Amino acid sequence: MTVKWAPPALSAVRDAVKRLLGLLLVLALSACSSQDRATSPKEVRELAGSPQAQQSRKAAEDHLRTIVNAYAKNTPLALGLVTVNDLCAGGTAKQWFFQTGDDQYKIRCAMRVTAYYGADPHRIADVLDGILTAGDHDSSDGAPGSTIPFHHGSHGSPLVDYYRGKASNPSGQNASEPALLFDPSQTLSWDTVRSSERKLIDEPDQCPSNDPPVTRCLREPASKTVADVRKQHGMVFKLELLMINYYRVSKDGKAVQVWR
């Protein structure tokens, strides 16, 4: 029978290597359990309901509603329906491949507000002229305003003239009816009224499960529809405001982004 014998020095090296590997494993598991793991649903709810998140949420919503109300107050549009979609999502586990950045934060909250207004389709030229005039007043030295960014100019005035029947389609002779004003911060669209094939503003999406503070979905008034607004006024305008990322906490807890 052959007996294998390891020199004491080699045995000591093996033991040291095992201890080192064990220590590295513990450190790796510890790191994975903190910054490299996905945010738990419990922690997402705690962060979403924190005083800092609530304050930032209110500030963001107040800002967006100020814009919605400015259209109702300063233009011929009649506010009929407002929707608020608010979502807080937890960060993912460490992304070793196909990185999207979703593993860099504990939580990220975003809000989108959309408003639907009614208007008289027989006065659409005057309605658009009133919107652009409000935008003129909101602008400064030719720069678009932060509340109503649409104004008379190279695009606005030809659009009004088109709806007054004084000019051809500003988008081109064979183009579809222009029923859109766009700015990086918001989009205003409306039911077509001059096209033989009418294109109407759709109803808002159905609300997902409402579970504040993680998910909030408001519809004001709750029972009102876009069809109701159209029936009451004749046509519908839709104001889509840019989604706001109003609250974010990094995985290390040091970087916090809030809306002010």
Protein backbone atom coordinates (compact mmCIF):
# COMPACT_ATOMS: atom_id res chain seq x y z
CA MET A 1 0.00 0.00 0.00
CA THR A 2 1.36 3.38 -0.98
CA VAL A 3 0.93 6.25 1.47
CA LYS A 4 0.86 9.79 0.04
CA TRP A 5 2.43 12.41 2.25
CA ALA A 6 2.23 16.18 1.84
CA PRO A 7 5.05 18.25 3.24
CA PRO A 8 4.01 20.49 6.14
CA ALA A 9 4.83 23.62 4.13
CA LEU A 10 2.50 22.60 1.26
CA SER A 11 -0.31 21.76 3.70
CA ALA A 12 0.02 25.19 5.34
CA VAL A 13 -0.19 26.89 1.94
CA ARG A 14 -3.37 24.98 1.11
CA ASP A 15 -4.96 25.99 4.41
CA ALA A 16 -4.04 29.62 3.83
CA VAL A 17 -5.52 29.51 0.33
CA LYS A 18 -8.76 28.00 1.68
CA ARG A 19 -9.02 30.71 4.33
CA LEU A 20 -8.40 33.41 1.73
CA LEU A 21 -11.00 31.99 -0.64
CA GLY A 22 -13.49 31.77 2.22
CA LEU A 23 -12.85 35.39 3.14
CA LEU A 24 -13.29 36.50 -0.48
CA LEU A 25 -16.54 34.54 -0.67
CA VAL A 26 -17.85 36.25 2.46
CA LEU A 27 -16.91 39.68 1.10
CA ALA A 28 -18.54 38.90 -2.25
CA LEU A 29 -21.74 37.75 -0.58
CA SER A 30 -21.73 40.83 1.63
CA ALA A 31 -21.38 43.14 -1.39
CA CYS A 32 -24.08 41.28 -3.25
CA SER A 33 -26.45 41.65 -0.32
CA SER A 34 -26.10 45.43 -0.26
CA GLN A 35 -25.43 47.46 -3.39
CA ASP A 36 -25.56 44.62 -5.91
CA ARG A 37 -28.95 43.21 -5.01
CA ALA A 38 -32.33 44.31 -6.30
CA THR A 39 -34.37 46.62 -4.07
CA SER A 40 -36.95 44.64 -2.14
CA PRO A 41 -40.67 45.55 -2.46
CA LYS A 42 -40.69 46.45 1.24
CA GLU A 43 -37.81 48.91 0.82
CA VAL A 44 -39.41 50.40 -2.32
CA ARG A 45 -42.59 51.09 -0.36
CA GLU A 46 -40.66 52.60 2.56
CA LEU A 47 -38.66 54.90 0.27
CA ALA A 48 -41.71 55.87 -1.81
CA GLY A 49 -43.57 56.84 1.35
CA SER A 50 -40.70 58.75 2.95
CA PRO A 51 -41.23 62.45 3.78
CA GLN A 52 -38.63 63.42 1.18
CA ALA A 53 -40.39 61.44 -1.55
CA GLN A 54 -43.79 62.81 -0.58
CA GLN A 55 -42.54 66.38 -0.65
CA SER A 56 -40.91 65.89 -4.05
CA ARG A 57 -44.04 64.15 -5.38
CA LYS A 58 -46.25 67.06 -4.33
CA ALA A 59 -43.89 69.64 -5.85
CA ALA A 60 -43.82 67.79 -9.17
CA GLU A 61 -47.59 67.37 -9.30
CA ASP A 62 -48.19 71.00 -8.35
CA HIS A 63 -45.89 72.09 -11.18
CA LEU A 64 -47.66 69.95 -13.77
CA ARG A 65 -51.12 70.99 -12.62
CA THR A 66 -50.08 74.64 -12.84
CA ILE A 67 -49.47 74.14 -16.56
CA VAL A 68 -52.79 72.33 -17.01
CA ASN A 69 -54.65 75.13 -15.23
CA ALA A 70 -52.84 77.82 -17.22
CA TYR A 71 -54.37 76.50 -20.44
CA ALA A 72 -57.83 76.52 -18.84
CA LYS A 73 -57.35 80.05 -17.49
CA ASN A 74 -55.53 81.81 -20.34
CA THR A 75 -56.83 80.13 -23.51
CA PRO A 76 -60.28 79.37 -24.98
CA LEU A 77 -59.90 75.70 -23.99
CA ALA A 78 -62.31 74.28 -21.38
CA LEU A 79 -60.71 71.73 -19.03
CA GLY A 80 -62.70 68.51 -19.03
CA LEU A 81 -60.52 65.65 -17.76
CA VAL A 82 -57.13 65.18 -16.09
CA THR A 83 -55.17 61.96 -15.62
CA VAL A 84 -52.18 61.46 -13.32
CA ASN A 85 -49.93 58.41 -13.59
CA ASP A 86 -47.31 58.05 -10.87
CA LEU A 87 -44.95 55.08 -10.49
CA CYS A 88 -42.05 54.24 -8.19
CA ALA A 89 -39.81 51.36 -9.30
CA GLY A 90 -37.02 49.62 -7.43
CA GLY A 91 -33.57 49.11 -8.88
CA THR A 92 -32.50 45.78 -10.32
CA ALA A 93 -29.71 43.47 -9.23
CA LYS A 94 -26.22 44.12 -10.56
CA GLN A 95 -26.26 44.03 -14.36
CA TRP A 96 -23.08 42.37 -15.55
CA PHE A 97 -24.19 42.31 -19.18
CA PHE A 98 -26.58 44.48 -21.23
CA GLN A 99 -26.36 47.32 -18.73
CA THR A 100 -29.28 49.79 -18.70
CA GLY A 101 -28.43 51.69 -15.51
CA ASP A 102 -31.38 50.23 -13.62
CA ASP A 103 -28.95 48.66 -11.16
CA GLN A 104 -27.55 52.04 -10.09
CA TYR A 105 -30.48 53.17 -7.94
CA LYS A 106 -32.59 51.90 -5.04
CA ILE A 107 -35.72 53.64 -6.26
CA ARG A 108 -36.83 55.91 -9.07
CA CYS A 109 -40.19 57.69 -9.19
CA ALA A 110 -41.75 59.34 -12.24
CA MET A 111 -45.02 61.13 -12.95
CA ARG A 112 -46.98 61.91 -16.09
CA VAL A 113 -49.98 64.25 -16.32
CA THR A 114 -52.31 64.48 -19.32
CA ALA A 115 -55.22 66.90 -19.70
CA TYR A 116 -58.20 66.86 -22.06
CA TYR A 117 -60.02 70.05 -23.01
CA GLY A 118 -63.16 70.81 -24.94
CA ALA A 119 -63.52 73.42 -27.70
CA ASP A 120 -65.97 74.55 -30.37
CA PRO A 121 -64.90 73.00 -33.71
CA HIS A 122 -66.53 75.89 -35.58
CA ARG A 123 -64.17 78.31 -33.82
CA ILE A 124 -60.97 76.25 -34.02
CA ALA A 125 -59.03 79.08 -35.71
CA ASP A 126 -59.93 81.43 -32.86
CA VAL A 127 -59.10 78.71 -30.30
CA LEU A 128 -55.66 78.13 -31.79
CA ASP A 129 -55.09 81.87 -32.09
CA GLY A 130 -55.95 82.23 -28.39
CA ILE A 131 -53.52 79.47 -27.42
CA LEU A 132 -50.71 81.02 -29.46
CA THR A 133 -51.47 84.47 -28.03
CA ALA A 134 -51.17 83.06 -24.50
CA GLY A 135 -47.85 81.54 -25.56
CA ASP A 136 -46.73 84.92 -26.92
CA HIS A 137 -47.37 86.46 -23.50
CA ASP A 138 -45.53 83.61 -21.79
CA SER A 139 -42.44 83.91 -24.00
CA SER A 140 -39.49 86.15 -23.29
CA ASP A 141 -37.30 87.75 -25.97
CA GLY A 142 -38.55 85.24 -28.50
CA ALA A 143 -37.77 82.22 -26.30
CA PRO A 144 -40.69 79.80 -25.68
CA GLY A 145 -42.37 80.08 -22.30
CA SER A 146 -42.13 77.34 -19.71
CA THR A 147 -45.91 77.12 -19.23
CA ILE A 148 -47.34 77.57 -22.75
CA PRO A 149 -44.45 77.20 -25.21
CA PHE A 150 -46.50 77.57 -28.43
CA HIS A 151 -46.65 81.01 -30.04
CA HIS A 152 -47.23 82.85 -33.29
CA GLY A 153 -44.32 82.65 -35.67
CA SER A 154 -43.12 80.67 -38.66
CA HIS A 155 -45.31 77.73 -37.69
CA GLY A 156 -48.11 79.12 -35.52
CA SER A 157 -49.41 81.88 -37.79
CA PRO A 158 -49.62 79.71 -40.95
CA LEU A 159 -51.53 77.12 -38.90
CA VAL A 160 -54.14 79.70 -37.87
CA ASP A 161 -54.39 80.99 -41.43
CA TYR A 162 -54.96 77.44 -42.66
CA TYR A 163 -57.88 76.93 -40.28
CA ARG A 164 -59.30 80.33 -41.25
CA GLY A 165 -59.24 79.20 -44.88
CA LYS A 166 -56.74 81.89 -45.85
CA ALA A 167 -53.78 79.62 -46.60
CA SER A 168 -52.98 76.11 -47.80
CA ASN A 169 -51.88 73.28 -45.55
CA PRO A 170 -48.59 74.40 -43.96
CA SER A 171 -47.42 70.78 -43.95
CA GLY A 172 -47.77 70.44 -47.72
CA GLN A 173 -50.48 70.23 -50.36
CA ASN A 174 -51.04 66.48 -50.02
CA ALA A 175 -50.24 66.22 -46.32
CA SER A 176 -52.81 65.22 -43.73
CA GLU A 177 -54.55 67.86 -41.63
CA PRO A 178 -52.06 69.40 -39.17
CA ALA A 179 -53.52 68.69 -35.74
CA LEU A 180 -50.46 68.90 -33.53
CA LEU A 181 -48.21 71.40 -31.78
CA PHE A 182 -45.00 69.95 -30.37
CA ASP A 183 -42.42 71.13 -27.87
CA PRO A 184 -39.85 68.99 -25.99
CA SER A 185 -41.75 69.67 -22.76
CA GLN A 186 -45.30 69.06 -24.01
CA THR A 187 -47.47 68.05 -26.95
CA LEU A 188 -50.86 69.52 -27.85
CA SER A 189 -53.04 67.59 -30.29
CA TRP A 190 -56.70 67.79 -31.28
CA ASP A 191 -59.54 66.17 -33.22
CA THR A 192 -59.28 66.85 -36.94
CA VAL A 193 -62.14 68.98 -38.27
CA ARG A 194 -61.25 69.64 -41.92
CA SER A 195 -60.25 66.18 -43.05
CA SER A 196 -62.76 63.86 -44.72
CA GLU A 197 -61.40 61.05 -42.55
CA ARG A 198 -61.64 62.36 -39.01
CA LYS A 199 -58.99 61.37 -36.51
CA LEU A 200 -60.23 61.67 -32.94
CA ILE A 201 -58.36 61.84 -29.64
CA ASP A 202 -58.43 58.43 -27.94
CA GLU A 203 -59.63 57.65 -24.45
CA PRO A 204 -56.88 57.44 -21.81
CA ASP A 205 -55.56 54.01 -20.89
CA GLN A 206 -57.29 52.17 -18.08
CA CYS A 207 -55.71 52.69 -14.69
CA PRO A 208 -53.59 49.82 -13.37
CA SER A 209 -54.03 48.74 -9.78
CA ASN A 210 -53.89 51.80 -7.55
CA ASP A 211 -51.45 51.11 -4.71
CA PRO A 212 -50.03 54.38 -3.35
CA PRO A 213 -47.39 55.46 -2.68
CA VAL A 214 -45.77 52.96 -5.09
CA THR A 215 -48.33 53.34 -7.87
CA ARG A 216 -50.93 56.08 -8.23
CA CYS A 217 -53.42 56.49 -11.05
CA LEU A 218 -55.91 59.35 -10.85
CA ARG A 219 -58.69 60.27 -13.24
CA GLU A 220 -60.50 63.52 -12.48
CA PRO A 221 -63.48 63.47 -12.66
CA ALA A 222 -63.40 59.69 -12.17
CA SER A 223 -66.51 58.96 -14.24
CA LYS A 224 -65.86 61.36 -17.12
CA THR A 225 -64.62 60.21 -20.54
CA VAL A 226 -63.10 61.89 -23.57
CA ALA A 227 -66.32 61.12 -25.40
CA ASP A 228 -68.20 63.08 -22.72
CA VAL A 229 -65.94 66.10 -23.29
CA ARG A 230 -66.45 65.85 -27.06
CA LYS A 231 -70.22 65.55 -26.67
CA GLN A 232 -70.32 68.62 -24.45
CA HIS A 233 -68.07 70.91 -26.52
CA GLY A 234 -67.85 69.45 -30.02
CA MET A 235 -64.16 68.57 -30.17
CA VAL A 236 -61.28 67.57 -27.87
CA PHE A 237 -57.75 68.91 -27.34
CA LYS A 238 -55.18 66.71 -25.58
CA LEU A 239 -52.22 68.14 -23.63
CA GLU A 240 -49.47 65.62 -22.89
CA LEU A 241 -46.83 66.88 -20.47
CA LEU A 242 -43.33 65.43 -20.41
CA MET A 243 -42.87 62.74 -17.78
CA ILE A 244 -41.00 64.05 -14.72
CA ASN A 245 -38.47 61.93 -12.82
CA TYR A 246 -39.06 63.53 -9.44
CA TYR A 247 -37.33 61.23 -6.93
CA ARG A 248 -34.32 58.94 -7.14
CA VAL A 249 -31.96 57.36 -4.60
CA SER A 250 -28.71 55.71 -5.64
CA LYS A 251 -27.71 52.25 -4.43
CA ASP A 252 -25.15 53.69 -2.03
CA GLY A 253 -27.78 56.02 -0.60
CA LYS A 254 -25.59 59.09 -1.12
CA ALA A 255 -27.01 60.54 -4.33
CA VAL A 256 -30.60 61.69 -3.96
CA GLN A 257 -32.48 63.48 -6.74
CA VAL A 258 -35.64 65.38 -5.85
CA TRP A 259 -37.96 67.74 -7.72
CA ARG A 260 -37.98 71.29 -6.36
